[in-house]
Structure formats: C-alpha cells, structure tokens
C-alpha cells in the first residue's frame, strides 16, 4: 500500500465510521496500520472505534441487567472479554 492509497483508505474508514459501520471502519484502519504501523490517524481512528464499540456493549449489558436477564449478561460479558 502506498501513501496515496493509505489516505484513500483512511477517508473510506472515516466515511464508514460516520455511517455507523464501525466494524468496517475498524477493518480499514487496521489495513492502513498493517502497512504503516505508526500512522497516527489510523491509530486514533481505531482507538475511537474500539471505544465506541465498548460503549455500545456496555449499554447493551446495562439494559439486559435492568431487565433482570442476568444469565444473558454473564454470557455476553464472556463473549466481549475474549
């Protein structure tokens, strides 16, 4: 991957992020980091994606807890910790 295609990939990643397609955005940020491990924009983007996904998981677990679906909370927590 050259520098120009890395920039294009970062733009695509940001577009997916804005659309809420966090997994796809994360994949694209990771692709850039494979070729350019020190790329600051890709690192920051990936951190932001992971934080957003973690927040979504926490909200989901809190809702299940409030619904007293404790076994499901435990199972999903185990999945997220892997």
N, C-alpha and C. Protein backbone atom coordinates (compact mmCIF):
# COMPACT_ATOMS: atom_id res chain seq x y z
N UNK A 1 0.85 -1.17 0.00
CA UNK A 1 0.00 0.00 0.00
C UNK A 1 0.90 1.23 0.00
N UNK A 2 0.65 2.13 -0.93
CA UNK A 2 1.43 3.36 -0.96
C UNK A 2 0.71 4.44 -0.14
N UNK A 3 1.36 5.57 0.00
CA UNK A 3 0.84 6.64 0.83
C UNK A 3 -0.51 7.17 0.32
N UNK A 4 -0.66 7.26 -1.00
CA UNK A 4 -1.92 7.75 -1.57
C UNK A 4 -3.07 6.80 -1.28
N UNK A 5 -2.85 5.50 -1.47
CA UNK A 5 -3.94 4.57 -1.19
C UNK A 5 -4.23 4.49 0.32
N UNK A 6 -3.23 4.75 1.15
CA UNK A 6 -3.47 4.80 2.59
C UNK A 6 -4.39 5.97 2.92
N UNK A 7 -4.16 7.10 2.29
CA UNK A 7 -5.04 8.26 2.51
C UNK A 7 -6.46 7.96 2.06
N UNK A 8 -6.58 7.30 0.92
CA UNK A 8 -7.91 6.94 0.41
C UNK A 8 -8.60 5.95 1.36
N UNK A 9 -7.84 5.01 1.87
CA UNK A 9 -8.40 4.03 2.81
C UNK A 9 -8.84 4.71 4.10
N UNK A 10 -8.06 5.68 4.56
CA UNK A 10 -8.45 6.43 5.76
C UNK A 10 -9.74 7.21 5.52
N UNK A 11 -9.87 7.80 4.35
CA UNK A 11 -11.11 8.52 4.03
C UNK A 11 -12.31 7.58 4.00
N UNK A 12 -12.11 6.40 3.42
CA UNK A 12 -13.20 5.41 3.39
C UNK A 12 -13.55 4.96 4.81
N UNK A 13 -12.53 4.79 5.64
CA UNK A 13 -12.77 4.38 7.03
C UNK A 13 -13.60 5.42 7.76
N UNK A 14 -13.25 6.69 7.58
CA UNK A 14 -14.00 7.78 8.22
C UNK A 14 -15.45 7.81 7.74
N UNK A 15 -15.65 7.55 6.45
CA UNK A 15 -17.00 7.52 5.89
C UNK A 15 -17.82 6.41 6.53
N UNK A 16 -17.22 5.23 6.66
CA UNK A 16 -17.93 4.12 7.30
C UNK A 16 -18.22 4.44 8.77
N UNK A 17 -17.27 5.10 9.41
CA UNK A 17 -17.47 5.49 10.81
C UNK A 17 -18.67 6.42 10.94
N UNK A 18 -18.75 7.41 10.06
CA UNK A 18 -19.86 8.37 10.10
C UNK A 18 -21.20 7.69 9.83
N UNK A 19 -21.19 6.64 9.01
CA UNK A 19 -22.41 5.89 8.71
C UNK A 19 -22.78 4.91 9.82
N UNK A 20 -21.91 4.81 10.83
CA UNK A 20 -22.17 3.89 11.93
C UNK A 20 -21.72 2.47 11.65
N UNK A 21 -20.99 2.29 10.58
CA UNK A 21 -20.47 0.96 10.21
C UNK A 21 -19.10 0.79 10.85
N UNK A 22 -19.13 0.61 12.17
CA UNK A 22 -17.90 0.64 12.96
C UNK A 22 -16.98 -0.54 12.68
N UNK A 23 -17.53 -1.71 12.46
CA UNK A 23 -16.67 -2.86 12.19
C UNK A 23 -15.90 -2.67 10.88
N UNK A 24 -16.58 -2.20 9.84
CA UNK A 24 -15.92 -1.96 8.56
C UNK A 24 -14.87 -0.87 8.70
N UNK A 25 -15.20 0.20 9.41
CA UNK A 25 -14.23 1.28 9.64
C UNK A 25 -13.00 0.75 10.36
N UNK A 26 -13.21 -0.07 11.37
CA UNK A 26 -12.10 -0.65 12.10
C UNK A 26 -11.21 -1.52 11.22
N UNK A 27 -11.84 -2.29 10.33
CA UNK A 27 -11.07 -3.12 9.40
C UNK A 27 -10.18 -2.24 8.52
N UNK A 28 -10.71 -1.14 8.02
CA UNK A 28 -9.95 -0.27 7.14
C UNK A 28 -8.81 0.42 7.88
N UNK A 29 -9.06 0.87 9.10
CA UNK A 29 -7.97 1.46 9.90
C UNK A 29 -6.87 0.43 10.13
N UNK A 30 -7.26 -0.82 10.38
CA UNK A 30 -6.28 -1.88 10.60
C UNK A 30 -5.45 -2.17 9.35
N UNK A 31 -6.09 -2.11 8.19
CA UNK A 31 -5.38 -2.33 6.93
C UNK A 31 -4.28 -1.29 6.76
N UNK A 32 -4.60 -0.04 7.06
CA UNK A 32 -3.59 1.02 6.96
C UNK A 32 -2.44 0.74 7.93
N UNK A 33 -2.78 0.30 9.14
CA UNK A 33 -1.75 0.06 10.14
C UNK A 33 -0.85 -1.12 9.80
N UNK A 34 -1.35 -2.05 9.00
CA UNK A 34 -0.51 -3.17 8.57
C UNK A 34 0.66 -2.65 7.72
N UNK A 35 0.39 -1.67 6.87
CA UNK A 35 1.44 -1.13 6.01
C UNK A 35 2.18 0.03 6.67
N UNK A 36 1.48 0.79 7.49
CA UNK A 36 2.07 1.96 8.14
C UNK A 36 1.76 1.91 9.65
N UNK A 37 2.50 1.08 10.39
CA UNK A 37 2.20 0.86 11.81
C UNK A 37 2.23 2.11 12.67
N UNK A 38 2.89 3.16 12.23
CA UNK A 38 2.98 4.38 13.02
C UNK A 38 2.02 5.47 12.55
N UNK A 39 1.09 5.14 11.67
CA UNK A 39 0.16 6.13 11.14
C UNK A 39 -0.75 6.62 12.26
N UNK A 40 -0.58 7.87 12.62
CA UNK A 40 -1.30 8.46 13.75
C UNK A 40 -2.81 8.49 13.52
N UNK A 41 -3.23 8.86 12.32
CA UNK A 41 -4.67 8.94 12.04
C UNK A 41 -5.34 7.57 12.13
N UNK A 42 -4.66 6.54 11.63
CA UNK A 42 -5.21 5.19 11.69
C UNK A 42 -5.28 4.70 13.14
N UNK A 43 -4.24 4.99 13.92
CA UNK A 43 -4.23 4.60 15.33
C UNK A 43 -5.37 5.27 16.09
N UNK A 44 -5.50 6.59 15.88
CA UNK A 44 -6.55 7.33 16.58
C UNK A 44 -7.93 6.85 16.16
N UNK A 45 -8.09 6.58 14.87
CA UNK A 45 -9.37 6.09 14.37
C UNK A 45 -9.74 4.76 14.98
N UNK A 46 -8.76 3.86 15.07
CA UNK A 46 -9.01 2.54 15.62
C UNK A 46 -9.34 2.62 17.11
N UNK A 47 -8.65 3.48 17.83
CA UNK A 47 -8.96 3.67 19.25
C UNK A 47 -10.39 4.18 19.42
N UNK A 48 -10.76 5.15 18.60
CA UNK A 48 -12.12 5.71 18.68
C UNK A 48 -13.17 4.64 18.39
N UNK A 49 -12.90 3.80 17.39
CA UNK A 49 -13.83 2.71 17.04
C UNK A 49 -13.97 1.76 18.22
N UNK A 50 -12.85 1.37 18.82
CA UNK A 50 -12.90 0.44 19.95
C UNK A 50 -13.65 1.05 21.14
N UNK A 51 -13.45 2.33 21.38
CA UNK A 51 -14.17 2.99 22.47
C UNK A 51 -15.67 3.02 22.19
N UNK A 52 -16.05 3.29 20.95
CA UNK A 52 -17.47 3.33 20.58
C UNK A 52 -18.11 1.95 20.71
N UNK A 53 -17.41 0.92 20.24
CA UNK A 53 -17.93 -0.44 20.35
C UNK A 53 -18.06 -0.86 21.81
N UNK A 54 -17.08 -0.50 22.63
CA UNK A 54 -17.14 -0.83 24.05
C UNK A 54 -18.33 -0.14 24.70
N UNK A 55 -18.58 1.11 24.35
CA UNK A 55 -19.72 1.84 24.91
C UNK A 55 -21.03 1.19 24.50
N UNK A 56 -21.12 0.74 23.26
CA UNK A 56 -22.33 0.05 22.80
C UNK A 56 -22.56 -1.23 23.60
N UNK A 57 -21.49 -1.99 23.84
CA UNK A 57 -21.61 -3.23 24.58
C UNK A 57 -22.04 -2.96 26.02
N UNK A 58 -21.50 -1.91 26.62
CA UNK A 58 -21.86 -1.58 27.99
C UNK A 58 -23.34 -1.20 28.07
N UNK A 59 -23.81 -0.42 27.12
CA UNK A 59 -25.23 -0.05 27.10
C UNK A 59 -26.11 -1.29 26.98
N UNK A 60 -25.71 -2.20 26.09
CA UNK A 60 -26.47 -3.43 25.89
C UNK A 60 -26.52 -4.25 27.18
N UNK A 61 -25.38 -4.40 27.85
CA UNK A 61 -25.32 -5.16 29.09
C UNK A 61 -26.13 -4.49 30.20
N UNK A 62 -26.09 -3.17 30.28
CA UNK A 62 -26.86 -2.45 31.30
C UNK A 62 -28.36 -2.65 31.08
N UNK A 63 -28.79 -2.61 29.83
CA UNK A 63 -30.21 -2.82 29.53
C UNK A 63 -30.63 -4.23 29.93
N UNK A 64 -29.82 -5.21 29.58
CA UNK A 64 -30.15 -6.59 29.95
C UNK A 64 -30.17 -6.76 31.47
N UNK A 65 -29.26 -6.10 32.16
CA UNK A 65 -29.23 -6.16 33.62
C UNK A 65 -30.50 -5.56 34.21
N UNK A 66 -30.91 -4.43 33.67
CA UNK A 66 -32.14 -3.78 34.14
C UNK A 66 -33.36 -4.66 33.91
N UNK A 67 -33.30 -5.48 32.88
CA UNK A 67 -34.40 -6.40 32.57
C UNK A 67 -34.28 -7.71 33.37
N UNK A 68 -33.31 -7.76 34.27
CA UNK A 68 -33.05 -8.93 35.12
C UNK A 68 -32.73 -10.18 34.31
N UNK A 69 -32.08 -10.00 33.17
CA UNK A 69 -31.68 -11.11 32.31
C UNK A 69 -30.20 -11.41 32.58
N UNK A 70 -29.96 -11.83 33.82
CA UNK A 70 -28.60 -11.94 34.34
C UNK A 70 -27.78 -13.03 33.65
N UNK A 71 -28.41 -14.14 33.31
CA UNK A 71 -27.66 -15.20 32.63
C UNK A 71 -27.15 -14.70 31.26
N UNK A 72 -27.98 -13.93 30.57
CA UNK A 72 -27.58 -13.37 29.29
C UNK A 72 -26.47 -12.34 29.47
N UNK A 73 -26.54 -11.57 30.55
CA UNK A 73 -25.48 -10.60 30.85
C UNK A 73 -24.15 -11.33 31.03
N UNK A 74 -24.18 -12.43 31.76
CA UNK A 74 -22.95 -13.20 32.00
C UNK A 74 -22.41 -13.76 30.69
N UNK A 75 -23.27 -14.35 29.89
CA UNK A 75 -22.83 -14.95 28.63
C UNK A 75 -22.26 -13.92 27.67
N UNK A 76 -22.93 -12.79 27.55
CA UNK A 76 -22.44 -11.74 26.65
C UNK A 76 -21.15 -11.12 27.17
N UNK A 77 -21.02 -11.01 28.47
CA UNK A 77 -19.79 -10.47 29.05
C UNK A 77 -18.62 -11.39 28.72
N UNK A 78 -18.84 -12.68 28.83
CA UNK A 78 -17.78 -13.63 28.49
C UNK A 78 -17.36 -13.48 27.03
N UNK A 79 -18.33 -13.30 26.16
CA UNK A 79 -18.04 -13.14 24.73
C UNK A 79 -17.22 -11.88 24.49
N UNK A 80 -17.61 -10.77 25.13
CA UNK A 80 -16.92 -9.50 24.93
C UNK A 80 -15.52 -9.47 25.51
N UNK A 81 -15.27 -10.32 26.50
CA UNK A 81 -13.95 -10.35 27.12
C UNK A 81 -12.94 -11.17 26.32
N UNK A 82 -13.41 -11.91 25.35
CA UNK A 82 -12.49 -12.73 24.54
C UNK A 82 -11.70 -11.88 23.59
